[in-house]
Structures are given as structure tokens and as C-alpha cells.
């Protein structure tokens, strides 16, 4: 059975940004959230997918190794918690099969995530 690992880090960070972008309550928090999204999320998120030749048997396992830092974490503690929760949720979404083929994902190098690809626009 073919197996491939896809890096979905950028998609995960986009999803996290989409999830938390409306949460800041003041200009200072907006700045901290902007910094969090731009440089305060590091690490990787991957999904390893195994399918049979006919795309019938499907197994996927995500690896969420994202870490969150802020210059002033106590000012955005709830937002950082929501960001971490969104990352965990996105990792689970990446494990769901979509209406596209494994061969397409292999040839493009792009693992499409159900509920994200074709939907989220940050």
C-alpha cells in the first residue's frame, strides 16, 4: 500500500489565524495576535496517509508539533489556548478523506484538508 507524508504546517497556521483573528479586544491584543501568527507559532504539522491502490482503504495519522509563544502571553492567554485548540482540531481534520484521490495528492505534493481547502480565505 502506498504511503506518503505531507507537510500541512502553512495550512494549519492559516486555519489558526482564521480561527483567532476576531478575538482581540483592543489594539494591543491585535498586535500580539499578529505577532503570534507571523512568528510566534513554530514547529510543524504533518499528515501521513496510507491507501490501497483503489483509494478504498484509507488510513491517516497527523502529527501536530506546533508551539505557541508571545511577548506578553498573559495578555492573550485565552487566544493562545484557542489557537492551540484550533491546531489540534485542524490536525484531526487532516486525517479525514476528501473527494480527491491519493494519486492527485502525490503528484501535486498537496494534501487537501476537508473543511479548509477551497473554503478558508484569510
PDB file of N, CA and C in Angstrom:
ATOM      1  N   UNK A   1       0.846  -1.189   0.000  1.00  0.00           N
ATOM      2  CA  UNK A   1       0.000   0.000   0.000  1.00  0.00           C
ATOM      3  C   UNK A   1       0.890   1.250   0.000  1.00  0.00           C
ATOM      4  N   UNK A   2       0.595   2.215  -0.872  1.00  0.00           N
ATOM      5  CA  UNK A   2       1.386   3.449  -0.904  1.00  0.00           C
ATOM      6  C   UNK A   2       1.167   4.297   0.353  1.00  0.00           C
ATOM      7  N   UNK A   3       2.252   4.896   0.801  1.00  0.00           N
ATOM      8  CA  UNK A   3       2.221   5.784   1.964  1.00  0.00           C
ATOM      9  C   UNK A   3       2.999   7.046   1.616  1.00  0.00           C
ATOM     10  N   UNK A   4       2.486   8.181   2.087  1.00  0.00           N
ATOM     11  CA  UNK A   4       3.189   9.451   1.882  1.00  0.00           C
ATOM     12  C   UNK A   4       2.934  10.360   3.072  1.00  0.00           C
ATOM     13  N   UNK A   5       3.897  11.223   3.366  1.00  0.00           N
ATOM     14  CA  UNK A   5       3.754  12.220   4.423  1.00  0.00           C
ATOM     15  C   UNK A   5       3.718  13.589   3.770  1.00  0.00           C
ATOM     16  N   UNK A   6       2.750  14.402   4.186  1.00  0.00           N
ATOM     17  CA  UNK A   6       2.556  15.736   3.642  1.00  0.00           C
ATOM     18  C   UNK A   6       2.738  16.773   4.748  1.00  0.00           C
ATOM     19  N   UNK A   7       3.439  17.841   4.431  1.00  0.00           N
ATOM     20  CA  UNK A   7       3.622  18.951   5.362  1.00  0.00           C
ATOM     21  C   UNK A   7       2.428  19.886   5.206  1.00  0.00           C
ATOM     22  N   UNK A   8       1.635  20.038   6.261  1.00  0.00           N
ATOM     23  CA  UNK A   8       0.457  20.906   6.217  1.00  0.00           C
ATOM     24  C   UNK A   8       0.604  22.073   7.196  1.00  0.00           C
ATOM     25  N   UNK A   9       1.846  22.412   7.534  1.00  0.00           N
ATOM     26  CA  UNK A   9       2.114  23.457   8.515  1.00  0.00           C
ATOM     27  C   UNK A   9       1.509  24.795   8.112  1.00  0.00           C
ATOM     28  N   UNK A  10       1.765  25.235   6.874  1.00  0.00           N
ATOM     29  CA  UNK A  10       1.255  26.542   6.447  1.00  0.00           C
ATOM     30  C   UNK A  10      -0.261  26.586   6.472  1.00  0.00           C
ATOM     31  N   UNK A  11      -0.903  25.519   6.049  1.00  0.00           N
ATOM     32  CA  UNK A  11      -2.364  25.462   6.084  1.00  0.00           C
ATOM     33  C   UNK A  11      -2.862  25.539   7.524  1.00  0.00           C
ATOM     34  N   UNK A  12      -2.191  24.835   8.431  1.00  0.00           N
ATOM     35  CA  UNK A  12      -2.597  24.845   9.833  1.00  0.00           C
ATOM     36  C   UNK A  12      -2.489  26.253  10.413  1.00  0.00           C
ATOM     37  N   UNK A  13      -1.401  26.945  10.116  1.00  0.00           N
ATOM     38  CA  UNK A  13      -1.226  28.308  10.636  1.00  0.00           C
ATOM     39  C   UNK A  13      -2.276  29.238  10.047  1.00  0.00           C
ATOM     40  N   UNK A  14      -2.603  29.089   8.757  1.00  0.00           N
ATOM     41  CA  UNK A  14      -3.686  29.874   8.162  1.00  0.00           C
ATOM     42  C   UNK A  14      -5.006  29.610   8.872  1.00  0.00           C
ATOM     43  N   UNK A  15      -5.281  28.331   9.144  1.00  0.00           N
ATOM     44  CA  UNK A  15      -6.520  27.963   9.825  1.00  0.00           C
ATOM     45  C   UNK A  15      -6.564  28.555  11.234  1.00  0.00           C
ATOM     46  N   UNK A  16      -5.449  28.477  11.927  1.00  0.00           N
ATOM     47  CA  UNK A  16      -5.374  29.032  13.278  1.00  0.00           C
ATOM     48  C   UNK A  16      -5.622  30.538  13.227  1.00  0.00           C
ATOM     49  N   UNK A  17      -4.991  31.220  12.275  1.00  0.00           N
ATOM     50  CA  UNK A  17      -5.203  32.663  12.119  1.00  0.00           C
ATOM     51  C   UNK A  17      -6.674  32.958  11.870  1.00  0.00           C
ATOM     52  N   UNK A  18      -7.296  32.203  10.974  1.00  0.00           N
ATOM     53  CA  UNK A  18      -8.709  32.393  10.665  1.00  0.00           C
ATOM     54  C   UNK A  18      -9.557  32.230  11.932  1.00  0.00           C
ATOM     55  N   UNK A  19      -9.185  31.277  12.774  1.00  0.00           N
ATOM     56  CA  UNK A  19      -9.951  30.974  13.989  1.00  0.00           C
ATOM     57  C   UNK A  19      -9.833  32.071  15.042  1.00  0.00           C
ATOM     58  N   UNK A  20      -8.647  32.699  15.164  1.00  0.00           N
ATOM     59  CA  UNK A  20      -8.429  33.657  16.263  1.00  0.00           C
ATOM     60  C   UNK A  20      -8.454  35.118  15.837  1.00  0.00           C
ATOM     61  N   UNK A  21      -8.533  35.402  14.532  1.00  0.00           N
ATOM     62  CA  UNK A  21      -8.351  36.775  14.071  1.00  0.00           C
ATOM     63  C   UNK A  21      -9.373  37.768  14.630  1.00  0.00           C
ATOM     64  N   UNK A  22     -10.552  37.338  14.998  1.00  0.00           N
ATOM     65  CA  UNK A  22     -11.556  38.245  15.529  1.00  0.00           C
ATOM     66  C   UNK A  22     -11.587  38.315  17.047  1.00  0.00           C
ATOM     67  N   UNK A  23     -10.690  37.645  17.719  1.00  0.00           N
ATOM     68  CA  UNK A  23     -10.732  37.561  19.180  1.00  0.00           C
ATOM     69  C   UNK A  23     -10.145  38.754  19.937  1.00  0.00           C
ATOM     70  N   UNK A  24      -9.131  39.444  19.418  1.00  0.00           N
ATOM     71  CA  UNK A  24      -8.533  40.528  20.215  1.00  0.00           C
ATOM     72  C   UNK A  24      -9.569  41.592  20.596  1.00  0.00           C
ATOM     73  N   UNK A  25      -9.448  42.067  21.834  1.00  0.00           N
ATOM     74  CA  UNK A  25     -10.393  43.057  22.342  1.00  0.00           C
ATOM     75  C   UNK A  25      -9.866  44.480  22.286  1.00  0.00           C
ATOM     76  N   UNK A  26      -8.593  44.655  21.965  1.00  0.00           N
ATOM     77  CA  UNK A  26      -8.030  46.003  21.890  1.00  0.00           C
ATOM     78  C   UNK A  26      -6.832  45.994  20.941  1.00  0.00           C
ATOM     79  N   UNK A  27      -6.313  47.181  20.663  1.00  0.00           N
ATOM     80  CA  UNK A  27      -5.216  47.327  19.701  1.00  0.00           C
ATOM     81  C   UNK A  27      -3.957  46.575  20.148  1.00  0.00           C
ATOM     82  N   UNK A  28      -3.682  46.576  21.450  1.00  0.00           N
ATOM     83  CA  UNK A  28      -2.509  45.863  21.959  1.00  0.00           C
ATOM     84  C   UNK A  28      -2.620  44.371  21.706  1.00  0.00           C
ATOM     85  N   UNK A  29      -3.799  43.804  21.958  1.00  0.00           N
ATOM     86  CA  UNK A  29      -4.010  42.380  21.700  1.00  0.00           C
ATOM     87  C   UNK A  29      -3.934  42.088  20.204  1.00  0.00           C
ATOM     88  N   UNK A  30      -4.450  42.998  19.381  1.00  0.00           N
ATOM     89  CA  UNK A  30      -4.368  42.797  17.926  1.00  0.00           C
ATOM     90  C   UNK A  30      -2.910  42.675  17.488  1.00  0.00           C
ATOM     91  N   UNK A  31      -2.057  43.530  18.043  1.00  0.00           N
ATOM     92  CA  UNK A  31      -0.632  43.484  17.708  1.00  0.00           C
ATOM     93  C   UNK A  31      -0.021  42.167  18.162  1.00  0.00           C
ATOM     94  N   UNK A  32      -0.358  41.734  19.368  1.00  0.00           N
ATOM     95  CA  UNK A  32       0.183  40.467  19.885  1.00  0.00           C
ATOM     96  C   UNK A  32      -0.290  39.271  19.063  1.00  0.00           C
ATOM     97  N   UNK A  33      -1.549  39.289  18.640  1.00  0.00           N
ATOM     98  CA  UNK A  33      -2.079  38.193  17.827  1.00  0.00           C
ATOM     99  C   UNK A  33      -1.400  38.198  16.461  1.00  0.00           C
ATOM    100  N   UNK A  34      -1.185  39.371  15.890  1.00  0.00           N
ATOM    101  CA  UNK A  34      -0.483  39.463  14.604  1.00  0.00           C
ATOM    102  C   UNK A  34       0.924  38.866  14.726  1.00  0.00           C
ATOM    103  N   UNK A  35       1.621  39.204  15.805  1.00  0.00           N
ATOM    104  CA  UNK A  35       2.966  38.643  16.029  1.00  0.00           C
ATOM    105  C   UNK A  35       2.907  37.138  16.249  1.00  0.00           C
ATOM    106  N   UNK A  36       1.893  36.690  16.972  1.00  0.00           N
ATOM    107  CA  UNK A  36       1.730  35.258  17.221  1.00  0.00           C
ATOM    108  C   UNK A  36       1.614  34.510  15.894  1.00  0.00           C
ATOM    109  N   UNK A  37       0.777  35.016  14.994  1.00  0.00           N
ATOM    110  CA  UNK A  37       0.572  34.345  13.712  1.00  0.00           C
ATOM    111  C   UNK A  37       1.812  34.447  12.830  1.00  0.00           C
ATOM    112  N   UNK A  38       2.477  35.599  12.835  1.00  0.00           N
ATOM    113  CA  UNK A  38       3.629  35.811  11.957  1.00  0.00           C
ATOM    114  C   UNK A  38       4.884  35.079  12.415  1.00  0.00           C
ATOM    115  N   UNK A  39       5.131  35.041  13.726  1.00  0.00           N
ATOM    116  CA  UNK A  39       6.390  34.437  14.169  1.00  0.00           C
ATOM    117  C   UNK A  39       6.300  33.688  15.502  1.00  0.00           C
ATOM    118  N   UNK A  40       5.146  33.643  16.100  1.00  0.00           N
ATOM    119  CA  UNK A  40       5.020  33.011  17.410  1.00  0.00           C
ATOM    120  C   UNK A  40       4.543  31.576  17.363  1.00  0.00           C
ATOM    121  N   UNK A  41       4.301  31.069  16.151  1.00  0.00           N
ATOM    122  CA  UNK A  41       3.924  29.666  16.002  1.00  0.00           C
ATOM    123  C   UNK A  41       5.063  28.994  15.256  1.00  0.00           C
ATOM    124  N   UNK A  42       5.722  28.071  15.932  1.00  0.00           N
ATOM    125  CA  UNK A  42       6.799  27.362  15.252  1.00  0.00           C
ATOM    126  C   UNK A  42       6.585  25.860  15.386  1.00  0.00           C
ATOM    127  N   UNK A  43       7.349  25.127  14.639  1.00  0.00           N
ATOM    128  CA  UNK A  43       7.194  23.685  14.616  1.00  0.00           C
ATOM    129  C   UNK A  43       6.589  23.270  13.289  1.00  0.00           C
ATOM    130  N   UNK A  44       6.061  22.062  13.256  1.00  0.00           N
ATOM    131  CA  UNK A  44       5.491  21.526  12.031  1.00  0.00           C
ATOM    132  C   UNK A  44       4.206  20.775  12.319  1.00  0.00           C
ATOM    133  N   UNK A  45       3.428  20.615  11.264  1.00  0.00           N
ATOM    134  CA  UNK A  45       2.279  19.725  11.307  1.00  0.00           C
ATOM    135  C   UNK A  45       2.332  18.902  10.026  1.00  0.00           C
ATOM    136  N   UNK A  46       2.253  17.600  10.184  1.00  0.00           N
ATOM    137  CA  UNK A  46       2.270  16.706   9.035  1.00  0.00           C
ATOM    138  C   UNK A  46       1.114  15.722   9.134  1.00  0.00           C
ATOM    139  N   UNK A  47       0.806  15.128   8.010  1.00  0.00           N
ATOM    140  CA  UNK A  47      -0.162  14.029   7.982  1.00  0.00           C
ATOM    141  C   UNK A  47       0.445  12.933   7.119  1.00  0.00           C
ATOM    142  N   UNK A  48       0.438  11.713   7.643  1.00  0.00           N
ATOM    143  CA  UNK A  48       0.928  10.553   6.914  1.00  0.00           C
ATOM    144  C   UNK A  48      -0.286   9.745   6.482  1.00  0.00           C
ATOM    145  N   UNK A  49      -0.369   9.492   5.185  1.00  0.00           N
ATOM    146  CA  UNK A  49      -1.542   8.851   4.600  1.00  0.00           C
ATOM    147  C   UNK A  49      -1.115   7.543   3.941  1.00  0.00           C
ATOM    148  N   UNK A  50      -1.907   6.512   4.167  1.00  0.00           N
ATOM    149  CA  UNK A  50      -1.706   5.221   3.525  1.00  0.00           C
ATOM    150  C   UNK A  50      -3.020   4.815   2.881  1.00  0.00           C
ATOM    151  N   UNK A  51      -2.965   4.412   1.615  1.00  0.00           N
ATOM    152  CA  UNK A  51      -4.166   3.948   0.918  1.00  0.00           C
ATOM    153  C   UNK A  51      -3.826   2.703   0.110  1.00  0.00           C
ATOM    154  N   UNK A  52      -4.884   1.960  -0.254  1.00  0.00           N
ATOM    155  CA  UNK A  52      -4.641   0.880  -1.196  1.00  0.00           C
ATOM    156  C   UNK A  52      -4.741   1.447  -2.606  1.00  0.00           C
ATOM    157  N   UNK A  53      -4.482   0.660  -3.580  1.00  0.00           N
ATOM    158  CA  UNK A  53      -4.405   1.129  -4.963  1.00  0.00           C
ATOM    159  C   UNK A  53      -5.717   1.761  -5.423  1.00  0.00           C
ATOM    160  N   UNK A  54      -6.840   1.271  -4.985  1.00  0.00           N
ATOM    161  CA  UNK A  54      -8.137   1.789  -5.429  1.00  0.00           C
ATOM    162  C   UNK A  54      -8.662   2.924  -4.544  1.00  0.00           C
ATOM    163  N   UNK A  55      -7.858   3.459  -3.635  1.00  0.00           N
ATOM    164  CA  UNK A  55      -8.299   4.509  -2.700  1.00  0.00           C
ATOM    165  C   UNK A  55      -9.470   4.057  -1.821  1.00  0.00           C
ATOM    166  N   UNK A  56      -9.579   2.746  -1.586  1.00  0.00           N
ATOM    167  CA  UNK A  56     -10.690   2.249  -0.775  1.00  0.00           C
ATOM    168  C   UNK A  56     -10.303   2.229   0.696  1.00  0.00           C
ATOM    169  N   UNK A  57      -9.216   1.539   1.016  1.00  0.00           N
ATOM    170  CA  UNK A  57      -8.720   1.542   2.399  1.00  0.00           C
ATOM    171  C   UNK A  57      -7.906   2.799   2.607  1.00  0.00           C
ATOM    172  N   UNK A  58      -8.226   3.541   3.637  1.00  0.00           N
ATOM    173  CA  UNK A  58      -7.592   4.829   3.881  1.00  0.00           C
ATOM    174  C   UNK A  58      -7.223   4.919   5.348  1.00  0.00           C
ATOM    175  N   UNK A  59      -5.980   5.249   5.622  1.00  0.00           N
ATOM    176  CA  UNK A  59      -5.533   5.494   6.997  1.00  0.00           C
ATOM    177  C   UNK A  59      -4.720   6.779   6.987  1.00  0.00           C
ATOM    178  N   UNK A  60      -4.931   7.611   7.982  1.00  0.00           N
ATOM    179  CA  UNK A  60      -4.146   8.841   8.087  1.00  0.00           C
ATOM    180  C   UNK A  60      -3.840   9.108   9.550  1.00  0.00           C
ATOM    181  N   UNK A  61      -2.646   9.606   9.782  1.00  0.00           N
ATOM    182  CA  UNK A  61      -2.238   9.966  11.141  1.00  0.00           C
ATOM    183  C   UNK A  61      -1.545  11.313  11.078  1.00  0.00           C
ATOM    184  N   UNK A  62      -2.074  12.258  11.861  1.00  0.00           N
ATOM    185  CA  UNK A  62      -1.479  13.590  11.887  1.00  0.00           C
ATOM    186  C   UNK A  62      -0.465  13.689  13.012  1.00  0.00           C
ATOM    187  N   UNK A  63       0.481  14.595  12.835  1.00  0.00           N
ATOM    188  CA  UNK A  63       1.493  14.872  13.851  1.00  0.00           C
ATOM    189  C   UNK A  63       1.524  16.378  14.050  1.00  0.00           C
ATOM    190  N   UNK A  64       0.920  16.832  15.131  1.00  0.00           N
ATOM    191  CA  UNK A  64       0.846  18.254  15.444  1.00  0.00           C
ATOM    192  C   UNK A  64       1.981  18.601  16.400  1.00  0.00           C
ATOM    193  N   UNK A  65       3.027  19.222  15.864  1.00  0.00           N
ATOM    194  CA  UNK A  65       4.175  19.609  16.665  1.00  0.00           C
ATOM    195  C   UNK A  65       4.355  21.126  16.601  1.00  0.00           C
ATOM    196  N   UNK A  66       3.236  21.849  16.750  1.00  0.00           N
ATOM    197  CA  UNK A  66       3.276  23.315  16.745  1.00  0.00           C
ATOM    198  C   UNK A  66       3.386  23.815  18.186  1.00  0.00           C
ATOM    199  N   UNK A  67       4.147  24.890  18.355  1.00  0.00           N
ATOM    200  CA  UNK A  67       4.342  25.515  19.662  1.00  0.00           C
ATOM    201  C   UNK A  67       4.013  27.001  19.534  1.00  0.00           C
ATOM    202  N   UNK A  68       3.488  27.582  20.599  1.00  0.00           N
ATOM    203  CA  UNK A  68       2.999  28.955  20.567  1.00  0.00           C
ATOM    204  C   UNK A  68       3.738  29.795  21.607  1.00  0.00           C
ATOM    205  N   UNK A  69       4.256  30.962  21.163  1.00  0.00           N
ATOM    206  CA  UNK A  69       4.931  31.872  22.083  1.00  0.00           C
ATOM    207  C   UNK A  69       4.459  33.296  21.820  1.00  0.00           C
ATOM    208  N   UNK A  70       4.525  34.108  22.859  1.00  0.00           N
ATOM    209  CA  UNK A  70       4.129  35.515  22.746  1.00  0.00           C
ATOM    210  C   UNK A  70       5.005  36.344  23.667  1.00  0.00           C
ATOM    211  N   UNK A  71       5.223  37.623  23.266  1.00  0.00           N
ATOM    212  CA  UNK A  71       5.989  38.538  24.128  1.00  0.00           C
ATOM    213  C   UNK A  71       5.247  38.802  25.444  1.00  0.00           C
ATOM    214  N   UNK A  72       3.934  38.656  25.387  1.00  0.00           N
ATOM    215  CA  UNK A  72       3.103  39.015  26.530  1.00  0.00           C
ATOM    216  C   UNK A  72       1.957  37.992  26.630  1.00  0.00           C
ATOM    217  N   UNK A  73       2.302  36.726  26.939  1.00  0.00           N
ATOM    218  CA  UNK A  73       1.294  35.661  26.873  1.00  0.00           C
ATOM    219  C   UNK A  73       0.102  35.859  27.802  1.00  0.00           C
ATOM    220  N   UNK A  74       0.328  36.499  28.952  1.00  0.00           N
ATOM    221  CA  UNK A  74      -0.808  36.679  29.872  1.00  0.00           C
ATOM    222  C   UNK A  74      -1.868  37.605  29.288  1.00  0.00           C
ATOM    223  N   UNK A  75      -1.480  38.468  28.334  1.00  0.00           N
ATOM    224  CA  UNK A  75      -2.448  39.388  27.719  1.00  0.00           C
ATOM    225  C   UNK A  75      -3.331  38.682  26.699  1.00  0.00           C
ATOM    226  N   UNK A  76      -2.862  37.543  26.185  1.00  0.00           N
ATOM    227  CA  UNK A  76      -3.645  36.818  25.172  1.00  0.00           C
ATOM    228  C   UNK A  76      -3.740  35.329  25.493  1.00  0.00           C
ATOM    229  N   UNK A  77      -3.753  35.022  26.770  1.00  0.00           N
ATOM    230  CA  UNK A  77      -3.775  33.625  27.213  1.00  0.00           C
ATOM    231  C   UNK A  77      -4.947  32.846  26.604  1.00  0.00           C
ATOM    232  N   UNK A  78      -6.148  33.421  26.626  1.00  0.00           N
ATOM    233  CA  UNK A  78      -7.335  32.752  26.091  1.00  0.00           C
ATOM    234  C   UNK A  78      -7.193  32.566  24.576  1.00  0.00           C
ATOM    235  N   UNK A  79      -6.622  33.569  23.912  1.00  0.00           N
ATOM    236  CA  UNK A  79      -6.427  33.496  22.460  1.00  0.00           C
ATOM    237  C   UNK A  79      -5.407  32.416  22.125  1.00  0.00           C
ATOM    238  N   UNK A  80      -4.329  32.334  22.882  1.00  0.00           N
ATOM    239  CA  UNK A  80      -3.322  31.298  22.641  1.00  0.00           C
ATOM    240  C   UNK A  80      -3.911  29.907  22.874  1.00  0.00           C
ATOM    241  N   UNK A  81      -4.767  29.762  23.862  1.00  0.00           N
ATOM    242  CA  UNK A  81      -5.439  28.480  24.117  1.00  0.00           C
ATOM    243  C   UNK A  81      -6.331  28.123  22.937  1.00  0.00           C
ATOM    244  N   UNK A  82      -7.074  29.111  22.422  1.00  0.00           N
ATOM    245  CA  UNK A  82      -7.928  28.862  21.255  1.00  0.00           C
ATOM    246  C   UNK A  82      -7.074  28.481  20.045  1.00  0.00           C
ATOM    247  N   UNK A  83      -5.919  29.132  19.888  1.00  0.00           N
ATOM    248  CA  UNK A  83      -5.014  28.807  18.778  1.00  0.00           C
ATOM    249  C   UNK A  83      -4.540  27.357  18.878  1.00  0.00           C
ATOM    250  N   UNK A  84      -4.153  26.938  20.064  1.00  0.00           N
ATOM    251  CA  UNK A  84      -3.695  25.555  20.265  1.00  0.00           C
ATOM    252  C   UNK A  84      -4.826  24.565  19.992  1.00  0.00           C
ATOM    253  N   UNK A  85      -6.028  24.891  20.463  1.00  0.00           N
ATOM    254  CA  UNK A  85      -7.185  24.030  20.209  1.00  0.00           C
ATOM    255  C   UNK A  85      -7.488  23.948  18.713  1.00  0.00           C
ATOM    256  N   UNK A  86      -7.369  25.079  18.014  1.00  0.00           N
ATOM    257  CA  UNK A  86      -7.604  25.103  16.570  1.00  0.00           C
ATOM    258  C   UNK A  86      -6.565  24.242  15.847  1.00  0.00           C
ATOM    259  N   UNK A  87      -5.330  24.280  16.311  1.00  0.00           N
ATOM    260  CA  UNK A  87      -4.293  23.439  15.725  1.00  0.00           C
ATOM    261  C   UNK A  87      -4.609  21.963  15.895  1.00  0.00           C
ATOM    262  N   UNK A  88      -5.047  21.585  17.085  1.00  0.00           N
ATOM    263  CA  UNK A  88      -5.418  20.188  17.338  1.00  0.00           C
ATOM    264  C   UNK A  88      -6.594  19.762  16.457  1.00  0.00           C
ATOM    265  N   UNK A  89      -7.576  20.655  16.340  1.00  0.00           N
ATOM    266  CA  UNK A  89      -8.747  20.372  15.506  1.00  0.00           C
ATOM    267  C   UNK A  89      -8.346  20.202  14.045  1.00  0.00           C
ATOM    268  N   UNK A  90      -7.469  21.091  13.563  1.00  0.00           N
ATOM    269  CA  UNK A  90      -7.018  21.025  12.177  1.00  0.00           C
ATOM    270  C   UNK A  90      -6.280  19.717  11.910  1.00  0.00           C
ATOM    271  N   UNK A  91      -5.468  19.290  12.860  1.00  0.00           N
ATOM    272  CA  UNK A  91      -4.738  18.021  12.703  1.00  0.00           C
ATOM    273  C   UNK A  91      -5.720  16.871  12.511  1.00  0.00           C
ATOM    274  N   UNK A  92      -6.813  16.875  13.243  1.00  0.00           N
ATOM    275  CA  UNK A  92      -7.821  15.818  13.107  1.00  0.00           C
ATOM    276  C   UNK A  92      -8.557  15.935  11.771  1.00  0.00           C
ATOM    277  N   UNK A  93      -8.845  17.179  11.330  1.00  0.00           N
ATOM    278  CA  UNK A  93      -9.473  17.372  10.012  1.00  0.00           C
ATOM    279  C   UNK A  93      -8.611  16.771   8.910  1.00  0.00           C
ATOM    280  N   UNK A  94      -7.300  16.918   9.039  1.00  0.00           N
ATOM    281  CA  UNK A  94      -6.374  16.431   8.017  1.00  0.00           C
ATOM    282  C   UNK A  94      -6.397  14.912   7.885  1.00  0.00           C
ATOM    283  N   UNK A  95      -6.936  14.227   8.865  1.00  0.00           N
ATOM    284  CA  UNK A  95      -6.998  12.770   8.838  1.00  0.00           C
ATOM    285  C   UNK A  95      -8.231  12.244   8.102  1.00  0.00           C
ATOM    286  N   UNK A  96      -9.131  13.147   7.714  1.00  0.00           N
ATOM    287  CA  UNK A  96     -10.363  12.742   7.037  1.00  0.00           C
ATOM    288  C   UNK A  96     -10.148  12.661   5.526  1.00  0.00           C
ATOM    289  N   UNK A  97     -10.675  11.621   4.881  1.00  0.00           N
ATOM    290  CA  UNK A  97     -10.551  11.540   3.427  1.00  0.00           C
ATOM    291  C   UNK A  97     -11.458  12.563   2.762  1.00  0.00           C
ATOM    292  N   UNK A  98     -10.993  13.114   1.674  1.00  0.00           N
ATOM    293  CA  UNK A  98     -11.788  14.083   0.929  1.00  0.00           C
ATOM    294  C   UNK A  98     -12.208  13.518  -0.413  1.00  0.00           C
ATOM    295  N   UNK A  99     -12.853  14.350  -1.223  1.00  0.00           N
ATOM    296  CA  UNK A  99     -13.335  13.874  -2.524  1.00  0.00           C
ATOM    297  C   UNK A  99     -12.265  13.939  -3.620  1.00  0.00           C
ATOM    298  N   UNK A 100     -11.004  13.776  -3.246  1.00  0.00           N
ATOM    299  CA  UNK A 100      -9.907  13.805  -4.211  1.00  0.00           C
ATOM    300  C   UNK A 100      -9.095  12.532  -4.048  1.00  0.00           C
ATOM    301  N   UNK A 101      -8.285  12.244  -5.018  1.00  0.00           N
ATOM    302  CA  UNK A 101      -7.562  10.977  -4.988  1.00  0.00           C
ATOM    303  C   UNK A 101      -6.190  11.127  -4.338  1.00  0.00           C
ATOM    304  N   UNK A 102      -5.715  10.009  -3.837  1.00  0.00           N
ATOM    305  CA  UNK A 102      -4.375   9.948  -3.273  1.00  0.00           C
ATOM    306  C   UNK A 102      -3.350  10.232  -4.361  1.00  0.00           C
ATOM    307  N   UNK A 103      -3.606   9.718  -5.572  1.00  0.00           N
ATOM    308  CA  UNK A 103      -2.684   9.952  -6.698  1.00  0.00           C
ATOM    309  C   UNK A 103      -2.553  11.444  -6.983  1.00  0.00           C
ATOM    310  N   UNK A 104      -3.650  12.179  -6.905  1.00  0.00           N
ATOM    311  CA  UNK A 104      -3.613  13.637  -7.096  1.00  0.00           C
ATOM    312  C   UNK A 104      -2.755  14.295  -6.021  1.00  0.00           C
ATOM    313  N   UNK A 105      -2.930  13.863  -4.791  1.00  0.00           N
ATOM    314  CA  UNK A 105      -2.135  14.417  -3.686  1.00  0.00           C
ATOM    315  C   UNK A 105      -0.652  14.111  -3.884  1.00  0.00           C
ATOM    316  N   UNK A 106      -0.351  12.897  -4.294  1.00  0.00           N
ATOM    317  CA  UNK A 106       1.047  12.522  -4.538  1.00  0.00           C
ATOM    318  C   UNK A 106       1.666  13.355  -5.655  1.00  0.00           C
ATOM    319  N   UNK A 107       0.945  13.506  -6.757  1.00  0.00           N
ATOM    320  CA  UNK A 107       1.517  14.218  -7.903  1.00  0.00           C
ATOM    321  C   UNK A 107       1.675  15.709  -7.641  1.00  0.00           C
ATOM    322  N   UNK A 108       0.778  16.289  -6.847  1.00  0.00           N
ATOM    323  CA  UNK A 108       0.856  17.721  -6.561  1.00  0.00           C
ATOM    324  C   UNK A 108       1.672  18.022  -5.307  1.00  0.00           C
ATOM    325  N   UNK A 109       1.836  17.008  -4.437  1.00  0.00           N
ATOM    326  CA  UNK A 109       2.504  17.237  -3.157  1.00  0.00           C
ATOM    327  C   UNK A 109       1.622  17.994  -2.176  1.00  0.00           C
ATOM    328  N   UNK A 110       0.347  18.101  -2.498  1.00  0.00           N
ATOM    329  CA  UNK A 110      -0.597  18.891  -1.703  1.00  0.00           C
ATOM    330  C   UNK A 110      -1.677  17.986  -1.117  1.00  0.00           C
ATOM    331  N   UNK A 111      -1.640  17.809   0.199  1.00  0.00           N
ATOM    332  CA  UNK A 111      -2.703  17.078   0.868  1.00  0.00           C
ATOM    333  C   UNK A 111      -3.805  18.078   1.185  1.00  0.00           C
ATOM    334  N   UNK A 112      -4.959  17.891   0.565  1.00  0.00           N
ATOM    335  CA  UNK A 112      -6.093  18.795   0.788  1.00  0.00           C
ATOM    336  C   UNK A 112      -6.792  18.390   2.079  1.00  0.00           C
ATOM    337  N   UNK A 113      -7.143  19.399   2.856  1.00  0.00           N
ATOM    338  CA  UNK A 113      -7.769  19.170   4.153  1.00  0.00           C
ATOM    339  C   UNK A 113      -9.256  19.509   4.050  1.00  0.00           C
ATOM    340  N   UNK A 114     -10.088  18.536   4.399  1.00  0.00           N
ATOM    341  CA  UNK A 114     -11.535  18.717   4.362  1.00  0.00           C
ATOM    342  C   UNK A 114     -11.920  19.887   5.271  1.00  0.00           C
ATOM    343  N   UNK A 115     -12.744  20.782   4.753  1.00  0.00           N
ATOM    344  CA  UNK A 115     -13.173  21.933   5.542  1.00  0.00           C
ATOM    345  C   UNK A 115     -12.221  23.112   5.489  1.00  0.00           C
ATOM    346  N   UNK A 116     -11.093  22.946   4.805  1.00  0.00           N
ATOM    347  CA  UNK A 116     -10.131  24.027   4.667  1.00  0.00           C
ATOM    348  C   UNK A 116      -9.908  24.368   3.198  1.00  0.00           C
ATOM    349  N   UNK A 117      -9.378  23.430   2.446  1.00  0.00           N
ATOM    350  CA  UNK A 117      -9.065  23.693   1.044  1.00  0.00           C
ATOM    351  C   UNK A 117     -10.337  24.024   0.275  1.00  0.00           C
ATOM    352  N   UNK A 118     -10.301  25.158  -0.403  1.00  0.00           N
ATOM    353  CA  UNK A 118     -11.456  25.618  -1.153  1.00  0.00           C
ATOM    354  C   UNK A 118     -12.470  26.362  -0.305  1.00  0.00           C
ATOM    355  N   UNK A 119     -12.212  26.495   0.999  1.00  0.00           N
ATOM    356  CA  UNK A 119     -13.166  27.150   1.897  1.00  0.00           C
ATOM    357  C   UNK A 119     -12.558  28.355   2.588  1.00  0.00           C
ATOM    358  N   UNK A 120     -11.433  28.192   3.281  1.00  0.00           N
ATOM    359  CA  UNK A 120     -10.836  29.233   4.116  1.00  0.00           C
ATOM    360  C   UNK A 120     -10.087  30.246   3.263  1.00  0.00           C
ATOM    361  N   UNK A 121     -10.401  31.484   3.460  1.00  0.00           N
ATOM    362  CA  UNK A 121      -9.657  32.580   2.834  1.00  0.00           C
ATOM    363  C   UNK A 121      -9.321  33.593   3.939  1.00  0.00           C
ATOM    364  N   UNK A 122      -8.061  33.666   4.309  1.00  0.00           N
ATOM    365  CA  UNK A 122      -7.647  34.577   5.398  1.00  0.00           C
ATOM    366  C   UNK A 122      -7.415  35.953   4.834  1.00  0.00           C
TER     367      UNK A 122
END
